[in-house]
Amino acid sequence: MKSMFPIVCMFVMLIGCVPTKQIEKLGIVTSYGADLLEDGSIGNTLLYSQFDPNIKEPVQTAESQAHSYEGAIDAANLKTNYKLVTGQIRTKVFGKELAKTGIVRLLSTHFRDASEPATLYIAVSDTTAKDVLTSTTEVDLSKFLYNLIDNNRKREILPKSDLIDFLHKYDDVGIDPVQPLITIEKKRPVIDSIALFQDDIYVDSLSPEETFLIKLTTEKFKAGTHEITLPKEPFKEDIGYDTDKSDKETIHFVLNEIRSKSKVKLDDTEKLSYTVEIKLVSRLIEISEPLIIEDEKTIKKIEKHSSEHFTKQLEEMMEKLKELNVDPIGFGKIYDEETRNKKLTNKEWRDLYPTIDVKFNVKVEIIRHGIMQ
């Protein structure tokens, strides 16, 4: 029994030699922003949290200038007496001008740094990343930005936009990533639309309406909500009483508890013709006019014109995407899967994509309706 004492003492001494990190001495980086500077270098803005009870403002800002993500962290460390660590980073924001030059070089550290979470969100700033990350001190901007994107993902307003999704789509031939586009209103960041990428390069943005269409074609809705605007003319005979003296030419409908599924089919590999089948099932919870919806004919009419509305919007958006040569729906990936005898290259698909022909078939079904407001 006595012979074990020296071994135990040695074990205790070895444990004492293991390096530890005192959390009070760390600056936990929670958000990172990057902007392109005039000299071609990168201006970096970092938000980091401190757990020092003597600090009045636990969220601090650090700025640095570097040519890489790791260089940005090292340069920022020279300006703070806390060791900056990135294991809890929640969001990475890229200024629009920098995003136009490509952002993957600032994301590739994920594969070498196991501490960096794969669930972090990526966004583009309509102005600069610094503007977004320094827009207000009234709230914890790191939490605010993360929750802003995360809540709208959960509410089925935004398509997938995390780091892993971006890198997968960047690596795959025939599909391009999309990310939230952030602007500032009343000194608070807000999601303005989504940013379109060609590979890792920002090229343009889509409106909220077009964002819904992208999600409709690429993901399944489980309980979404969406407002559509239809011409009033087809429904004039269905209005119960006249409450509108302003001669409005449109009616607004709110679809709720949207469930949808879509299927993209390559009909002809030579002609590059596709068919996209979309089925949308929904409740109707609000109408801007007092339509007599108890009449089944009125419901069928709403379904018909809603289907035509979405089909037309999809066709218009598709022309825009082809003109920009960005493929967020993934037609190229489907083409590559159907032509396995030859591996598709990125350049080949960029040449082919503007020539594809896409037919959209949308079927809207209203399963029930509640009290109209």
Protein backbone atom coordinates (compact mmCIF):
# COMPACT_ATOMS: atom_id res chain seq x y z
CA MET A 1 0.00 0.00 0.00
CA LYS A 2 2.89 2.32 0.87
CA SER A 3 4.53 1.59 -2.48
CA MET A 4 1.60 3.26 -4.28
CA PHE A 5 2.23 6.63 -2.60
CA PRO A 6 5.09 7.79 -4.89
CA ILE A 7 3.05 6.84 -7.96
CA VAL A 8 0.04 8.78 -6.72
CA CYS A 9 2.23 11.81 -5.99
CA MET A 10 3.76 11.63 -9.47
CA PHE A 11 0.28 11.40 -11.04
CA VAL A 12 -0.87 14.48 -9.11
CA MET A 13 2.23 16.39 -10.20
CA LEU A 14 1.65 15.46 -13.85
CA ILE A 15 -1.94 16.68 -13.67
CA GLY A 16 -0.66 19.96 -12.33
CA CYS A 17 1.56 20.29 -15.41
CA VAL A 18 -1.35 20.13 -17.87
CA PRO A 19 -1.91 23.62 -19.32
CA THR A 20 -5.28 25.11 -18.44
CA LYS A 21 -7.18 28.11 -19.69
CA GLN A 22 -8.71 30.39 -17.11
CA ILE A 23 -11.96 31.58 -18.58
CA GLU A 24 -11.53 35.01 -16.99
CA LYS A 25 -8.46 35.53 -19.18
CA LEU A 26 -10.20 34.58 -22.43
CA GLY A 27 -12.06 36.64 -24.98
CA ILE A 28 -14.63 34.31 -26.55
CA VAL A 29 -15.10 35.44 -30.16
CA THR A 30 -18.79 35.15 -31.03
CA SER A 31 -19.03 37.10 -34.30
CA TYR A 32 -16.56 37.88 -37.07
CA GLY A 33 -16.85 40.44 -39.85
CA ALA A 34 -14.62 41.02 -42.88
CA ASP A 35 -14.45 43.96 -45.29
CA LEU A 36 -12.30 44.69 -48.32
CA LEU A 37 -9.98 47.66 -47.80
CA GLU A 38 -8.60 49.96 -50.50
CA ASP A 39 -5.13 48.38 -50.38
CA GLY A 40 -6.60 44.91 -50.95
CA SER A 41 -6.17 43.74 -47.37
CA ILE A 42 -9.04 42.73 -45.12
CA GLY A 43 -10.47 44.88 -42.37
CA ASN A 44 -11.71 42.63 -39.58
CA THR A 45 -14.24 43.30 -36.85
CA LEU A 46 -14.64 40.85 -33.97
CA LEU A 47 -17.17 40.73 -31.19
CA TYR A 48 -15.99 38.83 -28.15
CA SER A 49 -17.43 38.06 -24.73
CA GLN A 50 -15.63 38.20 -21.41
CA PHE A 51 -16.42 36.41 -18.18
CA ASP A 52 -14.51 38.77 -15.93
CA PRO A 53 -16.88 39.91 -13.12
CA ASN A 54 -15.02 43.24 -12.99
CA ILE A 55 -15.96 44.15 -16.57
CA LYS A 56 -19.02 46.39 -16.94
CA GLU A 57 -19.57 45.64 -20.65
CA PRO A 58 -19.06 41.90 -21.21
CA VAL A 59 -19.26 42.19 -25.04
CA GLN A 60 -16.29 44.00 -26.58
CA THR A 61 -15.20 44.89 -30.11
CA ALA A 62 -11.75 44.37 -31.60
CA GLU A 63 -10.58 45.46 -35.04
CA SER A 64 -7.58 44.37 -37.06
CA GLN A 65 -6.12 44.39 -40.54
CA ALA A 66 -4.83 41.21 -42.18
CA HIS A 67 -5.03 39.06 -45.30
CA SER A 68 -6.48 35.93 -43.67
CA TYR A 69 -8.89 34.82 -40.94
CA GLU A 70 -6.14 33.45 -38.69
CA GLY A 71 -4.10 36.58 -39.30
CA ALA A 72 -7.09 38.65 -38.22
CA ILE A 73 -7.31 36.81 -34.90
CA ASP A 74 -3.57 37.15 -34.29
CA ALA A 75 -3.60 40.87 -35.12
CA ALA A 76 -6.61 41.46 -32.88
CA ASN A 77 -4.84 39.65 -30.02
CA LEU A 78 -2.19 42.38 -30.10
CA LYS A 79 -4.87 44.91 -29.13
CA THR A 80 -6.38 43.17 -26.12
CA ASN A 81 -5.09 41.70 -22.87
CA TYR A 82 -7.45 38.74 -23.29
CA LYS A 83 -6.57 35.68 -25.36
CA LEU A 84 -9.08 35.56 -28.20
CA VAL A 85 -10.47 32.09 -28.96
CA THR A 86 -12.98 31.17 -31.69
CA GLY A 87 -14.65 28.01 -30.37
CA GLN A 88 -17.99 29.75 -29.75
CA ILE A 89 -18.28 31.81 -32.92
CA ARG A 90 -21.92 32.13 -34.04
CA THR A 91 -21.91 34.28 -37.17
CA LYS A 92 -19.53 35.39 -39.90
CA VAL A 93 -20.56 38.51 -41.79
CA PHE A 94 -18.93 39.60 -45.05
CA GLY A 95 -19.15 43.08 -46.52
CA LYS A 96 -20.66 43.12 -49.99
CA GLU A 97 -17.51 44.41 -51.71
CA LEU A 98 -15.40 41.66 -50.15
CA ALA A 99 -18.05 39.03 -50.96
CA LYS A 100 -17.76 40.04 -54.63
CA THR A 101 -14.17 38.76 -54.55
CA GLY A 102 -14.99 35.40 -52.91
CA ILE A 103 -15.29 34.34 -49.28
CA VAL A 104 -14.25 30.69 -49.13
CA ARG A 105 -10.65 31.62 -48.29
CA LEU A 106 -11.98 33.00 -45.00
CA LEU A 107 -14.03 29.87 -44.29
CA SER A 108 -11.53 27.10 -45.03
CA THR A 109 -10.09 27.27 -41.49
CA HIS A 110 -13.14 25.25 -40.42
CA PHE A 111 -11.48 22.09 -41.76
CA ARG A 112 -8.32 22.73 -39.71
CA ASP A 113 -9.92 24.09 -36.53
CA ALA A 114 -12.10 21.44 -34.89
CA SER A 115 -13.19 23.91 -32.21
CA GLU A 116 -15.05 26.10 -34.71
CA PRO A 117 -18.75 25.08 -34.77
CA ALA A 118 -20.20 23.84 -38.06
CA THR A 119 -23.56 25.36 -37.17
CA LEU A 120 -22.39 28.96 -37.41
CA TYR A 121 -24.31 31.17 -39.82
CA ILE A 122 -22.90 33.11 -42.76
CA ALA A 123 -24.37 36.40 -43.95
CA VAL A 124 -23.55 39.22 -46.36
CA SER A 125 -23.84 42.87 -45.34
CA ASP A 126 -25.47 45.22 -47.84
CA THR A 127 -23.00 47.85 -46.62
CA THR A 128 -20.01 46.68 -44.60
CA ALA A 129 -19.59 43.97 -42.00
CA LYS A 130 -18.23 46.59 -39.61
CA ASP A 131 -21.45 48.61 -39.96
CA VAL A 132 -23.48 45.56 -38.96
CA LEU A 133 -21.30 44.49 -36.03
CA THR A 134 -21.09 48.02 -34.60
CA SER A 135 -24.65 49.16 -35.38
CA THR A 136 -25.82 49.23 -31.76
CA THR A 137 -24.64 48.69 -28.20
CA GLU A 138 -28.17 48.30 -26.82
CA VAL A 139 -28.18 44.53 -27.34
CA ASP A 140 -25.66 41.70 -27.55
CA LEU A 141 -25.22 41.84 -31.32
CA SER A 142 -23.76 38.33 -31.54
CA LYS A 143 -26.85 36.81 -29.96
CA PHE A 144 -29.11 39.17 -31.90
CA LEU A 145 -27.61 38.26 -35.29
CA TYR A 146 -27.58 34.54 -34.59
CA ASN A 147 -31.19 34.56 -33.37
CA LEU A 148 -32.25 36.79 -36.26
CA ILE A 149 -31.11 34.19 -38.77
CA ASP A 150 -31.95 31.13 -36.68
CA ASN A 151 -35.51 32.23 -35.89
CA ASN A 152 -36.24 32.98 -39.55
CA ARG A 153 -34.84 29.59 -40.51
CA LYS A 154 -37.13 27.91 -37.97
CA ARG A 155 -40.09 30.00 -39.17
CA GLU A 156 -39.35 28.66 -42.68
CA ILE A 157 -38.69 32.10 -44.13
CA LEU A 158 -35.02 31.57 -44.99
CA PRO A 159 -33.42 28.67 -46.87
CA LYS A 160 -30.52 26.79 -45.30
CA SER A 161 -27.66 29.18 -44.58
CA ASP A 162 -25.16 27.58 -42.21
CA LEU A 163 -21.47 26.99 -42.82
CA ILE A 164 -21.76 23.30 -43.72
CA ASP A 165 -24.50 23.95 -46.28
CA PHE A 166 -22.42 26.71 -47.89
CA LEU A 167 -19.29 24.58 -48.15
CA HIS A 168 -21.17 21.56 -49.52
CA LYS A 169 -22.78 23.64 -52.26
CA TYR A 170 -19.49 25.37 -53.00
CA ASP A 171 -17.74 22.00 -53.43
CA ASP A 172 -20.52 20.42 -55.53
CA VAL A 173 -20.70 21.13 -59.26
CA GLY A 174 -24.10 22.32 -60.46
CA ILE A 175 -25.47 24.09 -57.39
CA ASP A 176 -24.75 27.46 -55.78
CA PRO A 177 -25.23 28.66 -52.19
CA VAL A 178 -27.51 31.44 -50.96
CA GLN A 179 -27.08 33.38 -47.71
CA PRO A 180 -29.00 36.07 -45.80
CA LEU A 181 -28.37 39.66 -46.90
CA ILE A 182 -28.25 42.00 -43.90
CA THR A 183 -28.98 45.72 -43.89
CA ILE A 184 -29.49 48.22 -41.07
CA GLU A 185 -32.76 49.86 -40.09
CA LYS A 186 -33.08 52.16 -37.07
CA LYS A 187 -29.62 51.11 -35.87
CA ARG A 188 -30.54 47.41 -35.88
CA PRO A 189 -29.52 44.67 -38.34
CA VAL A 190 -32.43 43.28 -40.38
CA ILE A 191 -32.64 40.64 -43.10
CA ASP A 192 -33.34 42.44 -46.35
CA SER A 193 -33.30 39.48 -48.76
CA ILE A 194 -30.93 36.65 -49.69
CA ALA A 195 -27.57 36.92 -51.42
CA LEU A 196 -26.91 34.86 -54.55
CA PHE A 197 -23.48 33.32 -55.02
CA GLN A 198 -21.71 31.96 -58.07
CA ASP A 199 -19.44 29.46 -56.35
CA ASP A 200 -18.22 31.63 -53.43
CA ILE A 201 -18.62 35.00 -55.18
CA TYR A 202 -21.57 37.29 -54.42
CA VAL A 203 -23.31 38.39 -57.62
CA ASP A 204 -26.79 39.70 -56.75
CA SER A 205 -29.74 39.34 -54.38
CA LEU A 206 -33.29 38.03 -54.41
CA SER A 207 -36.38 39.72 -52.98
CA PRO A 208 -38.32 38.19 -50.06
CA GLU A 209 -40.90 36.92 -52.58
CA GLU A 210 -38.18 35.25 -54.65
CA THR A 211 -36.64 33.87 -51.46
CA PHE A 212 -39.93 32.06 -50.80
CA LEU A 213 -39.78 30.60 -54.32
CA ILE A 214 -36.22 29.32 -53.84
CA LYS A 215 -37.26 27.59 -50.64
CA LEU A 216 -40.39 26.26 -52.35
CA THR A 217 -38.29 24.54 -55.04
CA THR A 218 -35.41 23.31 -52.88
CA GLU A 219 -36.92 22.43 -49.48
CA LYS A 220 -40.15 21.14 -47.98
CA PHE A 221 -42.40 23.54 -46.11
CA LYS A 222 -43.86 22.02 -42.95
CA ALA A 223 -45.82 24.93 -41.45
CA GLY A 224 -44.93 28.07 -43.40
CA THR A 225 -46.78 31.35 -43.84
CA HIS A 226 -46.86 33.53 -46.94
CA GLU A 227 -48.82 36.49 -48.29
CA ILE A 228 -49.71 36.68 -51.97
CA THR A 229 -51.31 39.43 -54.03
CA LEU A 230 -53.73 38.56 -56.83
CA PRO A 231 -55.70 40.71 -59.30
CA LYS A 232 -59.12 41.70 -57.96
CA GLU A 233 -60.95 41.39 -61.28
CA PRO A 234 -61.53 37.58 -61.25
CA PHE A 235 -63.08 37.80 -57.75
CA LYS A 236 -65.42 40.80 -58.12
CA GLU A 237 -68.53 38.63 -58.29
CA ASP A 238 -67.43 36.81 -55.11
CA ILE A 239 -67.24 39.90 -52.89
CA GLY A 240 -70.07 39.82 -50.35
CA TYR A 241 -70.45 43.56 -49.87
CA ASP A 242 -68.63 46.64 -51.01
CA THR A 243 -66.28 48.00 -48.37
CA ASP A 244 -63.65 49.29 -50.74
CA LYS A 245 -64.27 52.76 -52.14
CA SER A 246 -60.68 53.27 -53.30
CA ASP A 247 -60.94 51.08 -56.40
CA LYS A 248 -58.06 48.85 -55.39
CA GLU A 249 -57.11 46.47 -58.16
CA THR A 250 -55.63 43.70 -56.03
CA ILE A 251 -56.58 41.40 -53.16
CA HIS A 252 -54.15 40.14 -50.53
CA PHE A 253 -54.34 36.55 -49.26
CA VAL A 254 -52.43 35.04 -46.33
CA LEU A 255 -51.61 31.35 -46.61
CA ASN A 256 -50.83 29.62 -43.32
CA GLU A 257 -49.58 26.19 -42.21
CA ILE A 258 -48.10 25.72 -45.67
CA ARG A 259 -46.95 22.22 -46.48
CA SER A 260 -45.19 21.64 -49.76
CA LYS A 261 -43.08 19.23 -51.73
CA SER A 262 -41.26 19.62 -55.02
CA LYS A 263 -39.64 17.38 -57.58
CA VAL A 264 -37.21 18.42 -60.30
CA LYS A 265 -37.05 16.08 -63.29
CA LEU A 266 -34.61 16.18 -66.20
CA ASP A 267 -36.79 15.32 -69.21
CA ASP A 268 -34.16 15.45 -71.95
CA THR A 269 -30.38 15.39 -71.40
CA GLU A 270 -29.68 16.67 -74.94
CA LYS A 271 -32.17 19.54 -74.97
CA LEU A 272 -31.59 20.24 -71.27
CA SER A 273 -35.32 20.45 -70.57
CA TYR A 274 -36.61 20.14 -67.00
CA THR A 275 -39.98 19.92 -65.30
CA VAL A 276 -40.46 21.17 -61.74
CA GLU A 277 -43.56 19.81 -60.02
CA ILE A 278 -44.67 21.68 -56.89
CA LYS A 279 -47.60 20.91 -54.63
CA LEU A 280 -48.56 23.43 -51.96
CA VAL A 281 -51.23 22.66 -49.36
CA SER A 282 -52.34 25.45 -47.06
CA ARG A 283 -54.94 27.08 -44.86
CA LEU A 284 -56.36 30.45 -45.86
CA ILE A 285 -56.47 32.68 -42.77
CA GLU A 286 -56.74 36.24 -44.05
CA ILE A 287 -58.17 38.10 -47.07
CA SER A 288 -58.16 41.86 -47.62
CA GLU A 289 -61.68 41.73 -49.17
CA PRO A 290 -64.90 40.11 -47.86
CA LEU A 291 -65.01 37.19 -50.30
CA ILE A 292 -67.79 34.61 -49.95
CA ILE A 293 -65.44 31.70 -49.36
CA GLU A 294 -68.19 29.35 -48.21
CA ASP A 295 -68.80 28.82 -51.92
CA GLU A 296 -66.56 25.99 -53.15
CA LYS A 297 -66.27 27.74 -56.52
CA THR A 298 -64.58 30.70 -54.85
CA ILE A 299 -62.02 28.44 -53.17
CA LYS A 300 -61.30 26.69 -56.47
CA LYS A 301 -60.85 30.08 -58.10
CA ILE A 302 -58.35 31.13 -55.41
CA GLU A 303 -56.45 27.87 -55.89
CA LYS A 304 -56.35 28.33 -59.67
CA HIS A 305 -55.13 31.93 -59.61
CA SER A 306 -52.65 31.21 -56.81
CA SER A 307 -51.17 28.38 -58.87
CA GLU A 308 -50.87 30.66 -61.89
CA HIS A 309 -49.36 33.39 -59.71
CA PHE A 310 -46.58 31.14 -58.39
CA THR A 311 -45.93 29.65 -61.83
CA LYS A 312 -45.46 33.08 -63.40
CA GLN A 313 -43.19 34.23 -60.58
CA LEU A 314 -41.06 31.11 -60.87
CA GLU A 315 -40.69 31.59 -64.62
CA GLU A 316 -39.62 35.21 -64.15
CA MET A 317 -37.15 34.29 -61.42
CA MET A 318 -35.72 31.50 -63.55
CA GLU A 319 -34.91 33.95 -66.34
CA LYS A 320 -33.12 36.16 -63.82
CA LEU A 321 -31.09 33.25 -62.47
CA LYS A 322 -30.08 32.14 -65.96
CA GLU A 323 -29.02 35.67 -66.85
CA LEU A 324 -26.88 35.86 -63.71
CA ASN A 325 -25.61 32.29 -64.33
CA VAL A 326 -26.28 31.19 -60.76
CA ASP A 327 -27.94 27.88 -59.96
CA PRO A 328 -29.33 27.85 -56.39
CA ILE A 329 -31.95 25.23 -57.31
CA GLY A 330 -29.33 22.70 -58.40
CA PHE A 331 -30.31 21.87 -61.99
CA GLY A 332 -26.65 21.15 -62.75
CA LYS A 333 -26.36 18.66 -59.92
CA ILE A 334 -29.36 16.76 -61.29
CA TYR A 335 -27.84 16.84 -64.79
CA ASP A 336 -24.56 15.47 -63.42
CA GLU A 337 -26.40 12.64 -61.67
CA GLU A 338 -28.24 11.72 -64.89
CA THR A 339 -25.08 11.71 -67.04
CA ARG A 340 -22.73 9.62 -64.93
CA ASN A 341 -20.69 8.51 -67.94
CA LYS A 342 -18.97 11.92 -67.98
CA LYS A 343 -18.07 13.96 -64.92
CA LEU A 344 -19.45 17.48 -65.23
CA THR A 345 -17.03 20.35 -64.64
CA ASN A 346 -17.95 23.73 -63.23
CA LYS A 347 -16.98 25.51 -66.47
CA GLU A 348 -19.06 23.14 -68.58
CA TRP A 349 -22.15 23.79 -66.47
CA ARG A 350 -21.64 27.56 -66.54
CA ASP A 351 -21.69 27.32 -70.35
CA LEU A 352 -24.77 25.06 -70.43
CA TYR A 353 -26.91 26.60 -67.67
CA PRO A 354 -28.16 29.70 -69.57
CA THR A 355 -29.54 27.39 -72.28
CA ILE A 356 -31.71 25.14 -70.09
CA ASP A 357 -35.49 25.08 -70.47
CA VAL A 358 -37.56 24.75 -67.30
CA LYS A 359 -41.31 24.15 -67.08
CA PHE A 360 -43.01 24.78 -63.74
CA ASN A 361 -46.21 23.02 -62.71
CA VAL A 362 -47.61 24.41 -59.45
CA LYS A 363 -50.72 23.08 -57.75
CA VAL A 364 -52.15 25.00 -54.78
CA GLU A 365 -54.70 23.29 -52.55
CA ILE A 366 -56.58 25.09 -49.78
CA ILE A 367 -57.70 22.49 -47.28
CA ARG A 368 -59.63 24.69 -44.87
CA HIS A 369 -60.20 28.30 -43.95
CA GLY A 370 -60.88 30.09 -40.71
CA ILE A 371 -62.31 33.48 -39.80
CA MET A 372 -61.26 35.99 -42.41
CA GLN A 373 -59.80 39.29 -41.21
